[in-house]
C-alpha cells in the first residue's frame, strides 16, 4: 500500500469506504481552536471551496501555504473559501498539538482561512469530510476509492456541495485559479 521515494513514503492503492449518509452541508469538523464548525453555515454564502489536507513540515508546505493565502485573500470577498485539514498520516509531517500548528502556519504564513484539527484522510478512521470527498470524486469507482497519496491533495467543491475536482499534491493552488473563478462567477 505504498512505495518509497528517497526517504518519503507515499500512498498508493485502494480502500473500501462505506458511503456517507449525508450531504456536504451536513458535515462538520473541529477547528484548531476546538470549536465544532457545521458546514451548514456555508450553504448559500460560499460559492466555491478549496479543501486541502496539509502538514506544517512537509516539503510542499512553504510554497503551497503562501499560494493558498494569496489565493484566499484575492477571492474571499467573492464567495471563495479554503478549508485546510491537518493530517499526520504521511511520515508524521504535522504536529498534533493545535497551538503548535497555529504558531507554525498561522503566524509564519499569515493564514486566516479556516484551519481544522488533525484528521485521517485514509483508513483507519477516515474523517467524515474526507470520506465524503473521496466517495464523491474521481477517486471512487465501483465502491472502491483510491487513497489520498500525500499532503496537499486538493478538492474543489461547488456552491451546491458537489465535488467538482480532485488534484494531486504536485498541483499548486494558483494552478486552480481558472477553475475557482468559474465556481465563484
Protein backbone atom coordinates (compact mmCIF):
# COMPACT_ATOMS: atom_id res chain seq x y z
CA UNK A 1 0.00 0.00 0.00
CA UNK A 2 2.84 2.34 -0.54
CA UNK A 3 6.19 2.92 -2.05
CA UNK A 4 9.40 4.64 -1.26
CA UNK A 5 10.77 7.75 -2.94
CA UNK A 6 14.06 8.57 -1.29
CA UNK A 7 13.06 8.59 2.36
CA UNK A 8 9.42 9.60 1.74
CA UNK A 9 6.67 7.01 1.85
CA UNK A 10 3.79 7.76 -0.49
CA UNK A 11 0.41 6.10 -0.57
CA UNK A 12 -0.99 4.08 -3.44
CA UNK A 13 -3.75 1.56 -3.70
CA UNK A 14 -7.42 1.49 -2.85
CA UNK A 15 -9.72 1.21 0.14
CA UNK A 16 -13.31 0.20 0.54
CA UNK A 17 -15.12 3.03 2.30
CA UNK A 18 -18.74 2.96 3.39
CA UNK A 19 -20.59 5.84 1.69
CA UNK A 20 -21.68 8.66 3.96
CA UNK A 21 -25.37 9.12 4.53
CA UNK A 22 -25.25 12.89 4.29
CA UNK A 23 -24.50 15.76 2.00
CA UNK A 24 -21.62 18.21 2.19
CA UNK A 25 -23.57 20.81 4.16
CA UNK A 26 -24.49 18.34 6.88
CA UNK A 27 -20.82 17.69 7.67
CA UNK A 28 -18.82 19.31 10.44
CA UNK A 29 -15.25 19.40 11.70
CA UNK A 30 -13.35 20.67 14.73
CA UNK A 31 -11.17 23.71 14.10
CA UNK A 32 -7.76 24.33 15.65
CA UNK A 33 -9.40 26.26 18.49
CA UNK A 34 -11.53 23.24 19.47
CA UNK A 35 -14.80 24.60 18.03
CA UNK A 36 -17.10 22.36 16.00
CA UNK A 37 -17.82 24.07 12.69
CA UNK A 38 -21.02 22.96 10.98
CA UNK A 39 -20.71 23.23 7.21
CA UNK A 40 -24.37 24.32 7.06
CA UNK A 41 -23.04 27.80 7.85
CA UNK A 42 -21.51 27.91 4.35
CA UNK A 43 -24.69 26.99 2.43
CA UNK A 44 -25.93 29.91 0.34
CA UNK A 45 -22.90 32.00 1.35
CA UNK A 46 -19.88 30.27 -0.18
CA UNK A 47 -19.75 29.73 -3.94
CA UNK A 48 -16.55 27.70 -4.13
CA UNK A 49 -14.46 25.64 -1.73
CA UNK A 50 -10.85 24.52 -1.96
CA UNK A 51 -10.30 21.73 0.56
CA UNK A 52 -6.73 20.66 1.28
CA UNK A 53 -5.05 18.24 3.66
CA UNK A 54 -1.92 19.96 4.87
CA UNK A 55 1.11 19.44 7.05
CA UNK A 56 3.38 22.02 8.63
CA UNK A 57 6.64 20.17 8.00
CA UNK A 58 6.00 18.78 4.53
CA UNK A 59 8.35 19.76 1.71
CA UNK A 60 5.36 21.29 -0.13
CA UNK A 61 4.42 23.42 2.88
CA UNK A 62 6.06 26.78 2.26
CA UNK A 63 5.15 27.35 -1.37
CA UNK A 64 1.67 25.86 -1.07
CA UNK A 65 0.75 27.78 2.11
CA UNK A 66 1.94 31.05 0.58
CA UNK A 67 -0.11 30.45 -2.59
CA UNK A 68 -3.18 29.42 -0.57
CA UNK A 69 -3.01 32.67 1.44
CA UNK A 70 -2.68 34.81 -1.71
CA UNK A 71 -5.49 32.95 -3.49
CA UNK A 72 -7.80 33.17 -0.48
CA UNK A 73 -7.14 36.87 0.02
CA UNK A 74 -7.76 37.54 -3.67
CA UNK A 75 -11.15 35.79 -3.86
CA UNK A 76 -12.60 35.55 -0.33
CA UNK A 77 -14.85 38.57 -0.89
CA UNK A 78 -16.32 36.87 -3.96
CA UNK A 79 -17.56 33.76 -2.13
CA UNK A 80 -14.42 31.61 -2.11
CA UNK A 81 -13.10 29.78 0.93
CA UNK A 82 -10.25 27.42 1.71
CA UNK A 83 -10.78 24.71 4.33
CA UNK A 84 -7.47 23.22 5.43
CA UNK A 85 -7.29 19.98 7.36
CA UNK A 86 -4.12 18.99 9.12
CA UNK A 87 -3.01 15.41 8.52
CA UNK A 88 -0.24 13.40 10.12
CA UNK A 89 -0.65 10.19 8.10
CA UNK A 90 2.32 10.80 5.80
CA UNK A 91 5.68 10.36 7.54
CA UNK A 92 4.48 12.28 10.59
CA UNK A 93 4.90 15.67 8.91
CA UNK A 94 2.43 17.53 11.12
CA UNK A 95 2.50 18.18 14.87
CA UNK A 96 -0.70 17.10 16.56
CA UNK A 97 -0.80 20.00 19.01
CA UNK A 98 -3.16 22.69 17.68
CA UNK A 99 -1.22 25.50 19.37
CA UNK A 100 1.97 24.45 17.59
CA UNK A 101 0.13 24.26 14.25
CA UNK A 102 -1.35 27.73 14.78
CA UNK A 103 2.10 29.09 15.57
CA UNK A 104 3.76 27.49 12.55
CA UNK A 105 1.10 28.01 9.90
CA UNK A 106 -0.98 30.88 11.23
CA UNK A 107 1.81 33.23 12.15
CA UNK A 108 4.55 32.16 9.73
CA UNK A 109 2.34 32.18 6.63
CA UNK A 110 -0.41 34.58 7.73
CA UNK A 111 -3.21 32.05 7.28
CA UNK A 112 -6.67 33.46 8.03
CA UNK A 113 -8.85 30.85 6.31
CA UNK A 114 -10.39 28.07 8.44
CA UNK A 115 -7.87 25.52 9.68
CA UNK A 116 -9.12 22.27 11.14
CA UNK A 117 -7.60 19.92 13.67
CA UNK A 118 -5.59 16.89 12.61
CA UNK A 119 -7.67 14.24 10.79
CA UNK A 120 -7.14 10.97 8.96
CA UNK A 121 -7.74 11.22 5.22
CA UNK A 122 -7.17 7.49 4.66
CA UNK A 123 -8.07 4.44 6.69
CA UNK A 124 -8.17 3.79 9.54
CA UNK A 125 -10.71 6.26 10.91
CA UNK A 126 -11.23 8.37 7.80
CA UNK A 127 -12.76 11.69 8.84
CA UNK A 128 -16.34 12.11 7.51
CA UNK A 129 -15.33 15.12 5.39
CA UNK A 130 -12.68 13.06 3.61
CA UNK A 131 -15.00 10.08 3.33
CA UNK A 132 -17.45 12.38 1.55
CA UNK A 133 -14.79 13.95 -0.70
CA UNK A 134 -13.25 10.64 -1.72
CA UNK A 135 -16.52 8.88 -2.43
CA UNK A 136 -17.90 11.80 -4.43
CA UNK A 137 -14.82 12.45 -6.56
CA UNK A 138 -12.97 10.72 -9.35
CA UNK A 139 -11.15 8.71 -6.66
CA UNK A 140 -14.21 6.45 -6.33
CA UNK A 141 -15.16 3.69 -8.72
CA UNK A 142 -17.36 0.64 -8.14
CA UNK A 143 -17.46 1.05 -4.35
CA UNK A 144 -13.70 1.33 -4.01
CA UNK A 145 -11.75 4.57 -3.62
CA UNK A 146 -8.14 5.36 -4.29
CA UNK A 147 -6.24 6.63 -1.27
CA UNK A 148 -5.12 10.21 -0.78
CA UNK A 149 -1.47 10.00 -1.89
CA UNK A 150 0.18 12.71 0.21
CA UNK A 151 -0.24 16.05 1.94
CA UNK A 152 -1.58 18.98 -0.09
CA UNK A 153 -4.05 16.89 -2.06
CA UNK A 154 -6.86 19.21 -3.15
CA UNK A 155 -10.59 19.04 -3.84
CA UNK A 156 -12.82 21.72 -5.34
CA UNK A 157 -16.44 21.77 -4.18
CA UNK A 158 -19.13 23.97 -5.73
CA UNK A 159 -21.89 26.06 -4.11
CA UNK A 160 -24.23 23.04 -4.16
CA UNK A 161 -21.78 20.91 -2.17
CA UNK A 162 -20.80 18.79 -5.17
CA UNK A 163 -17.16 17.72 -5.57
CA UNK A 164 -16.10 19.06 -8.97
CA UNK A 165 -12.36 18.44 -8.91
CA UNK A 166 -9.56 16.37 -7.40
CA UNK A 167 -5.93 17.47 -7.69
CA UNK A 168 -2.71 15.76 -6.55
CA UNK A 169 -0.13 17.48 -4.33
CA UNK A 170 2.00 18.47 -7.33
CA UNK A 171 -0.74 20.90 -8.43
CA UNK A 172 -0.21 24.23 -6.68
CA UNK A 173 -3.16 26.41 -5.63
CA UNK A 174 -2.71 29.12 -8.27
CA UNK A 175 -2.90 26.45 -10.97
CA UNK A 176 -6.56 26.12 -9.95
CA UNK A 177 -7.35 29.83 -10.27
CA UNK A 178 -9.29 29.41 -13.53
CA UNK A 179 -11.47 26.70 -12.01
CA UNK A 180 -12.03 28.79 -8.88
CA UNK A 181 -13.12 31.79 -10.97
CA UNK A 182 -15.69 29.57 -12.72
CA UNK A 183 -17.03 28.37 -9.34
CA UNK A 184 -17.50 31.86 -7.90
CA UNK A 185 -18.87 33.50 -11.07
